[in-house]
Amino acid sequence: MDYFKSPNRWERGKWIATVAAIGTAVIWWTFGTLLGKPKSEFYAPGKLTSVHQTWENQCSACHAGLHAIRDDSLGSRWEGGTLDADDKCQTCHRGPPHFAKQSAAESPGCSSCHQDHRGVQASLLKMDDAACTRCHHPLHRPAERNAETTKPAITRFDATHHPEFQSTSQAPGRLKFSHSIHMLAGFMQNPGKEWEKKPWTYARIDDRGQRTRYMAAAGQKDENALVQLQCSSCHQLDGSDFGTSRMTGTPAAILPPQQSGSHMLPITFENQCQACHALDRPNLPAAIQHRQTPAEIRLALYRGAAHDYLHNSPDLLEQVMAPMPLPNHRPPISRTVSTALDERVAAAEISLSQDVCGKCHYFQPTQRPGLWPVVPPQLPQVWFQHAKFDHRAHRAVDCRQCHEGAYSDPSRAFDDRKSSYMPKMATCLQCHAPPSGKEDKPSGGARFDCAECHRYHNGENRMAGVGAQIESPAHKLNVGEFQRGGPQD
């Protein structure tokens, strides 16, 4: 009956565990005191990142009681995978699903990828590749789920594991344009041709403001010098870099100032083309504007031609004109002025389609002869739709290093639908790869993890439009609610 009075294995284990727990706490507290570190640095994993410094001393802003934060922790498994912390995150950071058919069971918790307490300078957007490859394995292109396009193991960015960029195959736009010709001095592709014997000089640019702008971009002071375009003559990251704040006849939004520098500003006819490709031709009865429809152009031409004939006398429309005899031909049948107007407008439309609009655009053929509707160029403003690229971060590199196709054989009249100007993956791998360690020929060294180029939650379109509306909090917070981490119950 006295078995409980003598120590046993179970009692000794409880005693040892109690002493170990108390001893560990005392030692931990002693080291923290001797090292002199603040409690927040010694007992917490680390300081919050700079964007969350408002809640550095407000733990309840993210930590809801004793509930688990990460969905891969032991505590979240005991709770059945329910994460109250996600609701805390989405108080300020709402976001669309990664893809339309995503289920809640497949979606990891916010803090599983975006881990805080790693220091003030840490980025919540920079994460280990394992956060991506645990779901994107194998990696495949959308709508191409077969053995040929599926990569069996995506563990790093290289030619073996990562597929080639899709933007290097074919562009969706339709425009006749050759970078190669425009990069030549005076645009002299073939001086032997009759129409190219007169090179382009700055003096041939009629608009003085445009002439000054292009001369300044090339560092040229002689108006009789050959026009020599640079990449920066057309491609700029900020509207103020063009040397003007507004183009004639265009809204100020075409040249927006103070941009982030990630993407080049849009290419517009008024800003990049009009200086040399003016639309006011002497053989046309009226001036036309870019982006006008064929019907609008036809009406403008007809009004201009009518103005030449009428001279404030509308009765001339019904008067019979004396035919103009042609050499060795019988006089034509008498015609009205309206017939003559139709003929002149038709001739002007043919001239426009062949010598003006047709130099750059394709047409959609219709039953009516003359000027046909233009095929929309549809040139993408962002070529890599599913990745992030920052031109500002690469400003020290010569444009030719990545866009060699823009300086290729000038004998090509245009590049049609081929986007040969865009860099391939091999170009990026020269820097975004592990360092080579060779002093004589260094390579690599730049970041090459998944998050360097790719963004989750439709992140490439998050700043405007639908993306901004989706990420907007459902409840707008006042300052007090924001500092407490959301509305309080």
Protein backbone atom coordinates (compact mmCIF):
# COMPACT_ATOMS: atom_id res chain seq x y z
CA MET A 1 0.00 0.00 0.00
CA ASP A 2 2.98 2.34 0.25
CA TYR A 3 3.94 2.14 -3.42
CA PHE A 4 3.13 5.81 -3.95
CA LYS A 5 5.58 6.87 -1.25
CA SER A 6 8.65 5.65 -3.10
CA PRO A 7 9.84 7.55 -6.22
CA ASN A 8 9.20 5.91 -9.60
CA ARG A 9 10.10 6.58 -13.19
CA TRP A 10 7.04 8.71 -13.84
CA GLU A 11 7.55 10.91 -10.79
CA ARG A 12 11.23 11.37 -11.53
CA GLY A 13 10.41 12.36 -15.13
CA LYS A 14 7.96 15.03 -14.02
CA TRP A 15 10.47 16.44 -11.55
CA ILE A 16 13.26 16.54 -14.12
CA ALA A 17 11.01 18.21 -16.73
CA THR A 18 9.93 20.86 -14.21
CA VAL A 19 13.49 21.66 -13.20
CA ALA A 20 14.59 21.75 -16.87
CA ALA A 21 11.81 24.16 -17.81
CA ILE A 22 12.55 26.49 -14.91
CA GLY A 23 16.29 26.30 -15.52
CA THR A 24 15.90 27.04 -19.23
CA ALA A 25 13.75 30.09 -18.50
CA VAL A 26 16.25 31.39 -15.92
CA ILE A 27 19.22 30.87 -18.24
CA TRP A 28 17.36 32.53 -21.15
CA TRP A 29 16.45 35.53 -18.99
CA THR A 30 20.01 35.74 -17.59
CA PHE A 31 21.62 35.79 -21.02
CA GLY A 32 19.15 38.40 -22.20
CA THR A 33 19.97 40.61 -19.24
CA LEU A 34 23.75 40.17 -19.52
CA LEU A 35 23.78 40.89 -23.26
CA GLY A 36 21.82 44.06 -22.64
CA LYS A 37 19.55 43.60 -25.66
CA PRO A 38 16.03 45.03 -25.64
CA LYS A 39 13.31 42.53 -24.92
CA SER A 40 11.85 42.88 -28.40
CA GLU A 41 15.14 41.80 -29.99
CA PHE A 42 15.94 38.96 -27.58
CA TYR A 43 12.60 37.27 -27.13
CA ALA A 44 11.02 37.93 -30.55
CA PRO A 45 12.30 36.44 -33.85
CA GLY A 46 13.24 39.90 -35.12
CA LYS A 47 11.98 43.37 -35.86
CA LEU A 48 9.06 43.90 -38.18
CA THR A 49 9.78 45.04 -41.71
CA SER A 50 9.67 48.76 -42.42
CA VAL A 51 6.17 48.68 -43.94
CA HIS A 52 4.82 47.17 -40.69
CA GLN A 53 6.73 49.34 -38.22
CA THR A 54 3.46 50.95 -37.13
CA TRP A 55 2.62 47.72 -35.30
CA GLU A 56 6.08 47.02 -33.87
CA ASN A 57 4.69 47.20 -30.31
CA GLN A 58 1.13 46.19 -31.22
CA CYS A 59 1.29 42.38 -31.36
CA SER A 60 -2.49 41.96 -31.37
CA ALA A 61 -2.62 43.69 -34.76
CA CYS A 62 -1.53 40.37 -36.31
CA HIS A 63 -1.54 37.76 -33.55
CA ALA A 64 -5.10 36.82 -32.69
CA GLY A 65 -4.85 35.30 -29.21
CA LEU A 66 -2.97 32.00 -29.20
CA HIS A 67 -4.01 31.00 -32.70
CA ALA A 68 -1.39 29.87 -35.18
CA ILE A 69 -0.08 32.30 -37.82
CA ARG A 70 1.35 29.94 -40.43
CA ASP A 71 -0.69 27.17 -42.02
CA ASP A 72 2.27 24.77 -42.03
CA SER A 73 2.76 24.99 -38.27
CA LEU A 74 1.72 22.30 -35.78
CA GLY A 75 -0.80 24.60 -34.15
CA SER A 76 -2.70 25.24 -37.38
CA ARG A 77 -3.04 21.49 -37.94
CA TRP A 78 -4.57 21.07 -34.49
CA GLU A 79 -7.03 23.85 -35.36
CA GLY A 80 -8.03 22.22 -38.64
CA GLY A 81 -6.14 24.66 -40.84
CA THR A 82 -8.25 27.72 -39.93
CA LEU A 83 -6.08 30.82 -39.87
CA ASP A 84 -7.49 33.93 -38.22
CA ALA A 85 -4.26 35.68 -39.14
CA ASP A 86 -5.28 35.74 -42.82
CA ASP A 87 -8.29 37.85 -41.90
CA LYS A 88 -5.92 40.23 -40.16
CA CYS A 89 -3.73 40.51 -43.25
CA GLN A 90 -6.66 41.04 -45.58
CA THR A 91 -7.91 43.93 -43.50
CA CYS A 92 -5.40 46.00 -45.47
CA HIS A 93 -4.27 43.58 -48.18
CA ARG A 94 -7.09 42.07 -50.14
CA GLY A 95 -6.18 40.23 -53.30
CA PRO A 96 -7.66 38.15 -56.09
CA PRO A 97 -7.12 34.38 -56.20
CA HIS A 98 -4.01 33.14 -57.94
CA PHE A 99 -6.13 31.49 -60.63
CA ALA A 100 -9.86 31.25 -61.27
CA LYS A 101 -10.38 27.63 -60.17
CA GLN A 102 -8.29 27.82 -57.03
CA SER A 103 -9.83 26.11 -53.99
CA ALA A 104 -9.45 27.23 -50.41
CA ALA A 105 -7.65 23.99 -49.54
CA GLU A 106 -4.98 24.67 -52.18
CA SER A 107 -4.38 28.26 -51.11
CA PRO A 108 -1.61 28.68 -48.50
CA GLY A 109 -1.88 31.19 -45.70
CA CYS A 110 -0.49 34.69 -46.13
CA SER A 111 2.37 34.28 -43.67
CA SER A 112 3.41 30.97 -45.18
CA CYS A 113 5.09 32.94 -47.95
CA HIS A 114 5.24 36.48 -46.55
CA GLN A 115 7.17 35.97 -43.32
CA ASP A 116 7.80 38.97 -41.12
CA HIS A 117 10.08 39.51 -38.10
CA ARG A 118 13.16 39.28 -40.31
CA GLY A 119 14.40 42.84 -39.82
CA VAL A 120 13.47 46.35 -40.86
CA GLN A 121 15.14 46.11 -44.28
CA ALA A 122 13.65 42.71 -45.16
CA SER A 123 11.16 42.50 -48.01
CA LEU A 124 7.92 40.60 -47.67
CA LEU A 125 7.96 40.07 -51.44
CA LYS A 126 11.31 38.26 -51.45
CA MET A 127 10.80 34.67 -50.45
CA ASP A 128 12.44 31.31 -50.89
CA ASP A 129 11.83 29.48 -54.18
CA ALA A 130 10.29 26.62 -52.22
CA ALA A 131 7.27 28.85 -51.56
CA CYS A 132 6.64 28.82 -55.32
CA THR A 133 7.83 25.41 -56.46
CA ARG A 134 5.77 23.51 -53.88
CA CYS A 135 2.69 24.42 -55.93
CA HIS A 136 4.17 25.15 -59.38
CA HIS A 137 5.68 21.75 -59.89
CA PRO A 138 5.73 20.78 -62.65
CA LEU A 139 5.60 24.14 -64.40
CA HIS A 140 3.70 24.44 -67.67
CA ARG A 141 2.34 27.15 -69.90
CA PRO A 142 -1.41 27.84 -69.72
CA ALA A 143 -3.54 25.80 -72.16
CA GLU A 144 -0.48 23.69 -73.05
CA ARG A 145 -0.61 20.92 -70.49
CA ASN A 146 1.12 18.14 -72.32
CA ALA A 147 4.39 16.27 -72.15
CA GLU A 148 6.18 18.57 -74.60
CA THR A 149 5.57 21.83 -72.75
CA THR A 150 5.58 20.51 -69.19
CA LYS A 151 8.85 20.89 -67.31
CA PRO A 152 9.35 17.92 -64.95
CA ALA A 153 11.20 19.81 -62.19
CA ILE A 154 11.30 23.59 -61.72
CA THR A 155 13.90 24.31 -59.08
CA ARG A 156 15.87 27.19 -60.57
CA PHE A 157 16.08 29.72 -63.39
CA ASP A 158 18.14 28.24 -66.22
CA ALA A 159 17.74 26.89 -69.74
CA THR A 160 17.15 23.35 -68.49
CA HIS A 161 14.34 24.05 -66.04
CA HIS A 162 12.71 27.32 -67.11
CA PRO A 163 10.81 27.61 -70.44
CA GLU A 164 11.78 30.22 -73.01
CA PHE A 165 10.06 33.59 -72.82
CA GLN A 166 6.84 33.61 -74.80
CA SER A 167 7.21 37.25 -75.91
CA THR A 168 10.21 36.33 -78.07
CA SER A 169 8.16 34.22 -80.46
CA GLN A 170 5.47 36.42 -81.93
CA ALA A 171 4.01 39.83 -81.19
CA PRO A 172 0.26 40.46 -81.38
CA GLY A 173 0.69 43.80 -83.14
CA ARG A 174 0.46 44.57 -86.85
CA LEU A 175 2.67 47.45 -87.89
CA LYS A 176 5.22 48.01 -90.66
CA PHE A 177 8.24 49.32 -88.85
CA SER A 178 11.95 48.60 -88.90
CA HIS A 179 14.15 49.70 -86.04
CA SER A 180 17.16 48.91 -88.21
CA ILE A 181 16.35 51.55 -90.83
CA HIS A 182 15.46 54.19 -88.27
CA MET A 183 18.77 53.69 -86.48
CA LEU A 184 20.73 54.54 -89.66
CA ALA A 185 22.06 58.07 -90.15
CA GLY A 186 19.62 59.91 -92.39
CA PHE A 187 17.52 56.71 -92.72
CA MET A 188 19.59 55.79 -95.79
CA GLN A 189 18.79 52.11 -96.24
CA ASN A 190 19.85 51.96 -99.89
CA PRO A 191 21.35 55.21 -101.30
CA GLY A 192 21.23 53.71 -104.81
CA LYS A 193 17.46 53.95 -104.97
CA GLU A 194 16.09 57.07 -106.56
CA TRP A 195 13.69 57.91 -103.74
CA GLU A 196 16.41 57.53 -101.12
CA LYS A 197 19.04 59.76 -102.69
CA LYS A 198 17.88 62.64 -100.49
CA PRO A 199 18.75 61.73 -96.90
CA TRP A 200 16.91 63.10 -93.90
CA THR A 201 18.53 66.07 -92.24
CA TYR A 202 17.28 67.97 -89.23
CA ALA A 203 16.41 70.87 -91.52
CA ARG A 204 13.75 68.70 -93.19
CA ILE A 205 11.77 68.54 -89.92
CA ASP A 206 9.29 71.36 -90.43
CA ASP A 207 8.18 71.71 -86.83
CA ARG A 208 10.84 73.78 -85.09
CA GLY A 209 10.01 72.40 -81.65
CA GLN A 210 10.37 68.82 -82.87
CA ARG A 211 13.57 69.70 -84.72
CA THR A 212 15.11 71.22 -81.58
CA ARG A 213 14.07 68.22 -79.53
CA TYR A 214 15.70 65.62 -81.81
CA MET A 215 18.84 67.70 -82.24
CA ALA A 216 19.20 68.02 -78.48
CA ALA A 217 18.72 64.26 -78.02
CA ALA A 218 21.57 63.60 -80.48
CA GLY A 219 23.77 66.43 -79.16
CA GLN A 220 23.71 68.02 -82.62
CA LYS A 221 23.80 71.77 -83.41
CA ASP A 222 24.02 71.67 -87.21
CA GLU A 223 20.60 71.58 -88.87
CA ASN A 224 22.11 70.22 -92.09
CA ALA A 225 23.52 67.16 -90.32
CA LEU A 226 21.94 63.77 -90.93
CA VAL A 227 19.24 62.76 -88.49
CA GLN A 228 20.66 60.19 -86.10
CA LEU A 229 18.12 58.70 -83.73
CA GLN A 230 19.05 57.22 -80.39
CA CYS A 231 17.00 54.78 -78.36
CA SER A 232 16.11 57.66 -76.05
CA SER A 233 14.73 59.65 -78.98
CA CYS A 234 11.55 57.57 -78.79
CA HIS A 235 11.79 55.43 -75.66
CA GLN A 236 11.67 57.26 -72.33
CA LEU A 237 10.71 56.33 -68.79
CA ASP A 238 9.45 59.78 -67.79
CA GLY A 239 7.45 62.34 -69.75
CA SER A 240 9.75 65.20 -68.83
CA ASP A 241 12.71 63.45 -70.46
CA PHE A 242 11.34 64.26 -73.93
CA GLY A 243 12.12 67.94 -73.41
CA THR A 244 8.50 69.05 -73.74
CA SER A 245 5.43 68.86 -71.54
CA ARG A 246 2.76 68.52 -74.21
CA MET A 247 2.46 67.63 -77.87
CA THR A 248 0.37 69.84 -80.13
CA GLY A 249 -3.19 68.58 -80.42
CA THR A 250 -2.78 65.82 -77.85
CA PRO A 251 -3.86 65.58 -74.21
CA ALA A 252 -1.26 66.15 -71.53
CA ALA A 253 -1.73 62.56 -70.31
CA ILE A 254 0.28 61.30 -73.32
CA LEU A 255 3.41 62.58 -71.57
CA PRO A 256 2.79 61.73 -67.91
CA PRO A 257 5.55 63.04 -65.62
CA GLN A 258 7.17 61.36 -62.61
CA GLN A 259 6.70 57.74 -63.55
CA SER A 260 8.06 54.79 -61.60
CA GLY A 261 10.54 53.96 -64.37
CA SER A 262 9.58 50.31 -64.68
CA HIS A 263 8.11 50.52 -68.19
CA MET A 264 8.65 52.74 -71.19
CA LEU A 265 6.00 55.32 -71.99
CA PRO A 266 3.53 54.44 -74.77
CA ILE A 267 4.51 55.04 -78.40
CA THR A 268 2.20 57.57 -80.03
CA PHE A 269 2.15 59.04 -83.52
CA GLU A 270 2.21 62.63 -82.25
CA ASN A 271 5.18 62.04 -79.97
CA GLN A 272 7.44 59.69 -81.92
CA CYS A 273 6.39 59.75 -85.60
CA GLN A 274 4.86 63.07 -86.58
CA ALA A 275 8.14 64.99 -86.84
CA CYS A 276 9.16 63.12 -90.02
CA HIS A 277 5.87 61.54 -91.10
CA ALA A 278 3.67 64.62 -91.34
CA LEU A 279 0.13 64.09 -92.65
CA ASP A 280 -0.32 67.50 -94.30
CA ARG A 281 0.54 66.68 -97.91
CA PRO A 282 0.29 69.36 -100.65
CA ASN A 283 -1.60 67.06 -103.03
CA LEU A 284 -4.41 66.50 -100.53
CA PRO A 285 -7.43 68.84 -100.56
CA ALA A 286 -7.55 68.91 -96.75
CA ALA A 287 -5.44 68.15 -93.71
CA ILE A 288 -6.22 64.90 -91.90
CA GLN A 289 -5.59 63.77 -88.35
CA HIS A 290 -4.12 60.54 -87.06
CA ARG A 291 -6.62 58.00 -85.69
CA GLN A 292 -9.43 59.26 -87.92
CA THR A 293 -11.67 56.59 -89.42
CA PRO A 294 -11.94 56.21 -93.23
CA ALA A 295 -15.38 57.84 -93.09
CA GLU A 296 -14.02 60.84 -91.18
CA ILE A 297 -11.09 61.18 -93.58
CA ARG A 298 -13.39 60.89 -96.58
CA LEU A 299 -15.64 63.64 -95.21
CA ALA A 300 -12.69 65.94 -94.53
CA LEU A 301 -11.32 65.39 -98.05
CA TYR A 302 -14.72 65.99 -99.62
CA ARG A 303 -15.19 69.23 -97.69
CA GLY A 304 -11.74 70.43 -98.66
CA ALA A 305 -12.32 69.64 -102.33
CA ALA A 306 -15.74 71.27 -102.26
CA HIS A 307 -14.27 74.40 -100.79
CA ASP A 308 -12.00 74.71 -103.82
CA TYR A 309 -14.93 74.46 -106.20
CA LEU A 310 -17.75 76.24 -104.50
CA HIS A 311 -16.29 79.60 -103.47
CA ASN A 312 -19.46 80.39 -101.55
CA SER A 313 -21.66 79.45 -104.57
CA PRO A 314 -23.52 76.22 -103.77
CA ASP A 315 -25.36 76.41 -107.12
CA LEU A 316 -22.22 75.19 -108.84
CA LEU A 317 -22.98 71.67 -107.68
CA GLU A 318 -25.68 71.32 -110.31
CA GLN A 319 -23.97 73.20 -113.15
CA VAL A 320 -22.47 71.27 -116.03
CA MET A 321 -18.70 71.50 -116.35
CA ALA A 322 -17.02 71.82 -119.67
CA PRO A 323 -15.02 68.64 -120.31
CA MET A 324 -11.29 68.88 -120.38
CA PRO A 325 -10.08 67.28 -123.61
CA LEU A 326 -7.17 64.89 -123.49
CA PRO A 327 -4.55 64.63 -126.25
CA ASN A 328 -5.58 62.18 -129.00
CA HIS A 329 -8.82 61.34 -127.14
CA ARG A 330 -12.46 62.17 -127.72
CA PRO A 331 -13.93 64.65 -125.23
CA PRO A 332 -15.59 62.90 -122.31
CA ILE A 333 -19.24 63.18 -121.52
CA SER A 334 -20.19 66.29 -119.54
CA ARG A 335 -20.19 65.79 -115.78
CA THR A 336 -21.33 67.71 -112.72
CA VAL A 337 -19.12 69.25 -110.05
CA SER A 338 -20.18 66.59 -107.54
CA THR A 339 -18.82 63.91 -109.88
CA ALA A 340 -15.53 65.78 -110.09
CA LEU A 341 -15.41 65.99 -106.29
CA ASP A 342 -15.92 62.24 -105.98
CA GLU A 343 -13.07 61.62 -108.42
CA ARG A 344 -10.69 63.93 -106.59
CA VAL A 345 -11.56 62.43 -103.21
CA ALA A 346 -11.05 58.91 -104.60
CA ALA A 347 -7.62 59.90 -105.97
CA ALA A 348 -6.69 61.42 -102.61
CA GLU A 349 -7.73 58.24 -100.80
CA ILE A 350 -5.55 56.13 -103.08
CA SER A 351 -2.63 58.49 -102.45
CA LEU A 352 -3.17 58.22 -98.69
CA SER A 353 -3.38 54.43 -98.70
CA GLN A 354 -0.21 54.04 -100.78
CA ASP A 355 2.08 56.89 -99.73
CA VAL A 356 0.95 57.88 -96.22
CA CYS A 357 -1.08 55.41 -94.14
CA GLY A 358 0.13 52.34 -96.01
CA LYS A 359 3.77 53.00 -95.13
CA CYS A 360 3.12 51.86 -91.58
CA HIS A 361 -0.31 50.24 -91.43
CA TYR A 362 -2.06 47.21 -92.84
CA PHE A 363 -5.64 47.49 -94.09
CA GLN A 364 -8.84 45.50 -93.75
CA PRO A 365 -10.10 45.10 -97.36
CA THR A 366 -13.72 46.04 -98.03
CA GLN A 367 -15.97 46.13 -101.11
CA ARG A 368 -15.52 49.88 -101.45
CA PRO A 369 -12.37 51.01 -103.29
CA GLY A 370 -10.14 53.67 -101.83
CA LEU A 371 -9.04 54.01 -98.22
CA TRP A 372 -9.82 50.88 -96.20
CA PRO A 373 -10.04 50.56 -92.40
CA VAL A 374 -6.65 50.18 -90.69
CA VAL A 375 -5.78 46.99 -88.86
CA PRO A 376 -5.27 48.04 -85.21
CA PRO A 377 -1.55 47.81 -84.36
CA GLN A 378 -2.29 46.42 -80.87
CA LEU A 379 1.31 46.82 -79.79
CA PRO A 380 1.63 45.72 -76.16
CA GLN A 381 2.72 48.32 -73.66
CA VAL A 382 4.05 45.54 -71.41
CA TRP A 383 5.67 42.69 -73.33
CA PHE A 384 6.23 40.31 -70.45
CA GLN A 385 2.66 40.05 -69.18
CA HIS A 386 3.38 37.48 -66.46
CA ALA A 387 6.64 38.82 -65.11
CA LYS A 388 8.09 41.99 -63.63
CA PHE A 389 10.87 43.95 -65.28
CA ASP A 390 12.28 47.29 -64.16
CA HIS A 391 14.08 49.34 -66.82
CA ARG A 392 15.24 51.76 -64.14
CA ALA A 393 17.26 49.01 -62.44
CA HIS A 394 19.00 48.25 -65.78
CA ARG A 395 19.71 51.85 -66.87
CA ALA A 396 23.48 51.35 -66.68
CA VAL A 397 23.40 48.68 -69.41
CA ASP A 398 23.51 49.63 -73.09
CA CYS A 399 20.16 49.02 -74.82
CA ARG A 400 21.91 47.02 -77.52
CA GLN A 401 22.99 44.38 -75.01
CA CYS A 402 19.37 43.23 -74.63
CA HIS A 403 17.73 44.48 -77.86
CA GLU A 404 20.26 43.42 -80.46
CA GLY A 405 17.47 42.79 -82.97
CA ALA A 406 16.84 46.52 -83.25
CA TYR A 407 20.26 46.93 -84.89
CA SER A 408 20.05 43.97 -87.25
CA ASP A 409 20.11 43.83 -91.06
CA PRO A 410 18.50 47.07 -92.39
CA SER A 411 17.55 45.37 -95.66
CA ARG A 412 14.39 44.15 -93.93
CA ALA A 413 11.64 46.64 -94.76
CA PHE A 414 9.80 45.78 -91.56
CA ASP A 415 9.61 43.02 -88.99
CA ASP A 416 5.90 42.27 -89.38
CA ARG A 417 4.70 40.15 -86.45
CA LYS A 418 8.11 38.99 -85.28
CA SER A 419 9.12 40.44 -81.92
CA SER A 420 12.81 39.82 -82.52
CA TYR A 421 13.68 42.92 -80.52
CA MET A 422 12.79 41.29 -77.21
CA PRO A 423 15.59 39.56 -75.29
CA LYS A 424 15.63 35.83 -74.85
CA MET A 425 16.26 33.98 -71.64
CA ALA A 426 19.95 33.51 -72.50
CA THR A 427 20.38 37.29 -72.33
CA CYS A 428 19.07 37.42 -68.76
CA LEU A 429 21.15 34.42 -67.70
CA GLN A 430 24.32 36.40 -68.34
CA CYS A 431 23.64 38.25 -65.07
CA HIS A 432 20.77 36.48 -63.33
CA ALA A 433 22.55 33.26 -62.49
CA PRO A 434 24.98 31.97 -59.85
CA PRO A 435 28.33 33.82 -59.95
CA SER A 436 30.93 32.17 -62.15
CA GLY A 437 33.83 32.95 -59.82
CA LYS A 438 36.10 33.80 -62.76
CA GLU A 439 38.00 37.06 -62.42
CA ASP A 440 38.95 37.24 -66.11
CA LYS A 441 35.40 36.67 -67.34
CA PRO A 442 32.88 37.33 -64.57
CA SER A 443 29.23 36.45 -65.07
CA GLY A 444 26.14 35.90 -62.99
CA GLY A 445 25.75 37.16 -59.46
CA ALA A 446 22.40 38.94 -59.81
CA ARG A 447 19.29 37.55 -58.15
CA PHE A 448 17.63 34.72 -60.03
CA ASP A 449 14.94 33.49 -57.65
CA CYS A 450 11.25 33.22 -58.64
CA ALA A 451 10.15 36.36 -56.80
CA GLU A 452 12.72 38.47 -58.63
CA CYS A 453 10.55 38.42 -61.76
CA HIS A 454 7.20 36.91 -60.83
CA ARG A 455 4.46 38.24 -58.62
CA TYR A 456 1.70 36.27 -56.93
CA HIS A 457 -1.94 37.46 -56.64
CA ASN A 458 -2.00 38.91 -60.16
CA GLY A 459 0.67 41.30 -58.96
CA GLU A 460 1.69 42.57 -62.38
CA ASN A 461 -1.65 44.44 -62.71
CA ARG A 462 -2.21 45.57 -59.16
CA MET A 463 -1.76 49.34 -59.44
CA ALA A 464 -4.79 50.32 -61.51
CA GLY A 465 -8.11 49.16 -62.86
CA VAL A 466 -9.58 45.88 -61.67
CA GLY A 467 -6.48 44.98 -59.68
CA ALA A 468 -6.68 48.10 -57.53
CA GLN A 469 -10.42 47.65 -56.99
CA ILE A 470 -9.96 44.05 -55.84
CA GLU A 471 -7.17 44.95 -53.43
CA SER A 472 -9.06 47.91 -51.99
CA PRO A 473 -10.17 47.10 -48.40
CA ALA A 474 -13.87 46.44 -48.02
CA HIS A 475 -13.91 48.72 -44.99
CA LYS A 476 -11.98 51.97 -45.09
CA LEU A 477 -10.14 52.46 -41.80
CA ASN A 478 -9.68 55.61 -39.82
CA VAL A 479 -6.26 56.34 -38.30
CA GLY A 480 -7.10 54.76 -34.95
CA GLU A 481 -8.40 51.55 -36.55
CA PHE A 482 -5.39 51.38 -38.85
CA GLN A 483 -2.93 51.65 -35.94
CA ARG A 484 -4.81 48.94 -34.02
CA GLY A 485 -4.68 46.61 -37.02
CA GLY A 486 -8.30 46.89 -38.11
CA PRO A 487 -11.77 47.56 -36.71
CA GLN A 488 -12.21 46.30 -33.18
CA ASP A 489 -15.11 44.08 -32.15
